[in-house]
Protein backbone atom coordinates (compact mmCIF):
# COMPACT_ATOMS: atom_id res chain seq x y z
CA MET A 1 28.47 29.96 -13.09
CA LYS A 2 26.98 32.21 -15.78
CA LYS A 3 28.63 32.11 -19.19
CA ILE A 4 28.55 35.36 -21.19
CA PHE A 5 28.95 35.47 -24.97
CA ILE A 6 30.56 38.80 -25.91
CA SER A 7 30.42 39.68 -29.58
CA GLY A 8 30.44 42.75 -31.77
CA SER A 9 30.87 44.38 -35.14
CA MET A 10 34.26 44.10 -36.79
CA ASN A 11 34.44 47.81 -37.60
CA ILE A 12 34.12 48.82 -33.92
CA LYS A 13 37.62 49.04 -32.50
CA ASN A 14 37.10 51.54 -29.67
CA ILE A 15 34.82 50.11 -27.01
CA ASN A 16 32.52 52.68 -25.41
CA PRO A 17 33.10 53.29 -21.66
CA LYS A 18 29.53 52.11 -20.95
CA VAL A 19 30.41 48.71 -22.42
CA VAL A 20 33.74 48.65 -20.58
CA LYS A 21 31.81 49.16 -17.33
CA ARG A 22 29.59 46.17 -18.18
CA ILE A 23 32.66 44.05 -18.85
CA ASP A 24 34.12 45.21 -15.53
CA ASN A 25 30.93 44.02 -13.81
CA ILE A 26 31.21 40.65 -15.57
CA ILE A 27 34.79 40.35 -14.31
CA LYS A 28 33.82 41.33 -10.75
CA SER A 29 31.03 38.74 -10.85
CA GLU A 30 33.60 36.16 -12.00
CA PHE A 31 31.38 35.06 -14.86
CA SER A 32 32.84 32.88 -17.58
CA VAL A 33 33.47 34.83 -20.80
CA ILE A 34 33.39 33.34 -24.27
CA VAL A 35 34.59 35.53 -27.12
CA GLY A 36 35.40 35.15 -30.80
CA ASP A 37 38.73 35.60 -32.51
CA ALA A 38 37.93 38.29 -35.08
CA SER A 39 39.51 41.72 -35.36
CA GLY A 40 37.44 44.73 -34.30
CA SER A 41 35.15 44.26 -31.31
CA ASP A 42 36.41 40.75 -30.52
CA SER A 43 40.08 41.74 -30.34
CA SER A 44 39.26 44.99 -28.50
CA VAL A 45 37.30 43.06 -25.87
CA GLN A 46 40.20 40.63 -25.62
CA HIS A 47 42.52 43.58 -24.88
CA ILE A 48 40.20 44.75 -22.07
CA LEU A 49 40.10 41.27 -20.55
CA LYS A 50 43.87 40.91 -20.80
CA ASN A 51 44.47 44.34 -19.25
CA ASN A 52 42.34 43.20 -16.33
CA LYS A 53 44.38 39.98 -16.14
CA TYR A 54 41.14 38.03 -16.37
CA GLN A 55 41.66 34.33 -16.92
CA ASN A 56 38.13 32.92 -17.03
CA VAL A 57 37.99 33.35 -20.80
CA THR A 58 37.63 30.95 -23.72
CA VAL A 59 38.33 32.02 -27.30
CA TYR A 60 36.24 30.28 -29.96
CA CYS A 61 37.51 29.90 -33.50
CA SER A 62 36.41 28.17 -36.68
CA GLY A 63 39.12 25.75 -37.71
CA ASN A 64 42.17 24.87 -35.67
CA TYR A 65 43.80 28.22 -34.89
CA PRO A 66 42.38 31.55 -33.65
CA ARG A 67 43.12 34.73 -35.55
CA ASN A 68 43.45 36.59 -32.25
CA ASN A 69 44.11 35.19 -28.77
CA ILE A 70 45.67 38.19 -27.07
CA GLY A 71 45.56 36.76 -23.55
CA ASN A 72 46.75 33.31 -24.56
CA TRP A 73 43.56 31.84 -23.09
CA GLN A 74 42.06 28.42 -23.58
CA ILE A 75 40.67 28.02 -27.10
CA LYS A 76 37.72 26.04 -28.42
CA PRO A 77 38.26 25.17 -32.08
CA ILE A 78 35.03 24.45 -33.95
CA GLU A 79 35.11 21.94 -36.76
CA THR A 80 33.28 22.92 -39.92
CA LYS A 81 33.09 21.53 -43.43
CA HIS A 82 32.49 24.97 -44.91
CA GLN A 83 35.18 26.52 -47.07
CA ALA A 84 37.73 28.49 -45.04
CA ASN A 85 37.25 32.26 -44.74
CA THR A 86 33.65 32.19 -45.95
CA ARG A 87 30.71 33.57 -43.98
CA ALA A 88 29.44 30.05 -43.26
CA PHE A 89 32.91 29.05 -42.03
CA PHE A 90 33.05 31.80 -39.40
CA THR A 91 29.37 31.47 -38.49
CA ALA A 92 30.08 27.94 -37.24
CA LYS A 93 31.88 29.28 -34.15
CA ASP A 94 29.13 31.87 -33.53
CA LEU A 95 26.47 29.16 -33.50
CA GLU A 96 28.51 27.16 -31.01
CA MET A 97 28.99 30.20 -28.73
CA ALA A 98 25.25 30.91 -28.85
CA LYS A 99 24.58 27.32 -27.82
CA ASP A 100 27.13 27.33 -24.99
CA CYS A 101 26.30 30.69 -23.37
CA ASP A 102 23.66 31.83 -20.90
CA TYR A 103 23.47 35.47 -22.02
CA GLY A 104 24.86 37.68 -24.76
CA LEU A 105 26.56 41.07 -24.60
CA MET A 106 26.64 42.50 -28.11
CA ILE A 107 28.35 45.63 -29.41
CA TRP A 108 26.57 46.63 -32.60
CA ASP A 109 27.11 49.26 -35.29
CA SER A 110 23.49 49.10 -36.57
CA LYS A 111 24.75 47.39 -39.73
CA SER A 112 26.68 44.21 -38.93
CA THR A 113 24.72 41.14 -39.99
CA GLY A 114 27.01 38.87 -37.99
CA THR A 115 26.16 40.52 -34.68
CA LEU A 116 22.48 40.82 -35.61
CA GLY A 117 22.49 37.12 -36.48
CA ASN A 118 23.98 36.29 -33.09
CA VAL A 119 21.22 38.21 -31.32
CA LEU A 120 18.61 36.41 -33.41
CA GLU A 121 20.19 33.02 -32.71
CA LEU A 122 20.13 33.67 -28.96
CA LEU A 123 16.51 34.79 -29.18
CA SER A 124 15.59 31.59 -31.03
CA GLN A 125 17.10 29.70 -28.08
CA LYS A 126 15.09 31.82 -25.62
CA LYS A 127 18.21 33.58 -24.37
CA THR A 128 18.58 37.27 -23.65
CA SER A 129 21.03 39.65 -25.32
CA ILE A 130 22.05 43.05 -24.03
CA VAL A 131 22.89 44.99 -27.18
CA PHE A 132 24.91 48.19 -27.06
CA VAL A 133 23.84 50.19 -30.11
CA ASN A 134 27.02 52.13 -30.82
CA LYS A 135 25.27 54.72 -32.99
CA PHE A 136 22.98 55.82 -30.15
CA LYS A 137 25.31 54.99 -27.25
CA GLU A 138 22.59 53.05 -25.46
CA PHE A 139 21.75 49.49 -24.44
CA LEU A 140 18.72 47.56 -25.61
CA GLN A 141 17.65 44.31 -23.98
CA VAL A 142 16.47 41.83 -26.60
CA ASP A 143 14.44 39.00 -25.10
CA ASP A 144 11.38 38.76 -27.35
CA VAL A 145 10.29 39.40 -30.94
CA SER A 146 9.13 42.97 -30.33
CA SER A 147 12.47 44.02 -28.83
CA PHE A 148 14.30 42.41 -31.76
CA GLU A 149 12.07 44.33 -34.16
CA LYS A 150 12.91 47.52 -32.28
CA LEU A 151 16.59 46.71 -32.78
CA VAL A 152 16.09 46.20 -36.51
CA SER A 153 14.24 49.53 -36.73
CA MET A 154 17.52 51.24 -35.82
CA MET A 155 19.04 50.13 -39.13
CA SER A 156 19.05 52.16 -42.30
CA ASP A 157 16.99 50.85 -45.23
CA VAL A 158 20.18 49.84 -47.04
CA ALA A 159 21.59 47.98 -44.02
CA ARG A 160 18.24 46.27 -43.38
CA LEU A 161 18.03 45.06 -46.99
CA LYS A 162 21.59 43.75 -46.83
CA ALA A 163 20.85 41.90 -43.58
CA GLU A 164 17.66 40.46 -45.05
CA THR A 165 19.60 39.15 -48.04
CA LYS A 166 22.34 37.60 -45.88
CA ILE A 167 20.49 36.13 -42.90
CA HIS A 168 16.79 36.25 -43.91
CA PHE A 169 15.82 37.60 -40.50
CA SER A 170 12.18 38.32 -41.45
CA THR A 171 11.50 34.66 -42.17
CA ARG A 172 13.10 33.61 -38.90
CA ILE A 173 11.20 36.25 -36.93
CA ASN A 174 7.90 35.10 -38.46
CA LYS A 175 8.70 31.56 -37.30
CA LEU A 176 9.36 32.86 -33.78
CA LYS A 177 6.08 34.79 -33.83
CA HIS A 178 4.28 31.62 -34.90
CA ARG A 179 5.94 29.71 -32.08
CA GLN A 180 4.88 32.32 -29.53
CA LEU A 181 1.32 32.27 -30.90
CA ASN A 182 1.19 28.47 -30.61
CA LEU A 183 2.35 28.68 -27.00
CA PHE A 184 -0.40 31.21 -26.29
CA GLU A 185 -3.05 29.05 -27.96
CA ASP A 186 -1.83 25.97 -26.07
CA SER A 187 -2.20 27.79 -22.77
CA LYS A 188 -5.77 28.80 -23.65
CA THR A 189 -6.84 25.25 -24.51
CA SER A 190 -5.16 23.54 -21.57
CA PRO A 191 -7.32 22.69 -18.53
CA LYS A 192 -5.51 25.35 -16.55
CA GLY A 193 -6.12 27.89 -19.30
CA ARG A 194 -9.84 27.04 -19.49
CA ARG A 195 -10.24 27.47 -15.76
CA ALA A 196 -8.63 30.90 -16.03
CA GLU A 197 -11.18 31.95 -18.63
CA GLN A 198 -14.21 30.74 -16.64
């Protein structure tokens, strides 16, 4: 059974009907949903799932107790040694959700570094994210470096600088590019690759 990580920006409280339709499709497909416990997108998605009486949901939280668990679903508390209520503290649950999921559905305001970081983490694990860019009311599939760079291009200069300072995405993207280049070079030097070039 596919496990979908749904995440989004904290300042998005009203979920666009296009995203609601995607969530409806997830419910109809009976996929497992994992969601965070933050206010904003997380709690709004929780409301949608509860209104649909969907039970195949797990709420992840850093520490012992979720901030929001509107449907009284199963919780997965994530232990972390980081100081409570810091960015690193809450990121612990996001990293665990990225590890546990198969795909991501992200609702992004073109600014949130948390959501952008989740997309980047999934990409580093060779997992696909479908990102709803709230500003443009459209979806973007992020499954390689170029599509992530297209996503970043939708940010303002100020938001991009802030994200760079917080999550250092350029450094991580360069590492992913290097990894892709190494894979390409390996394929060229393998016996199969040499035969293809002859």
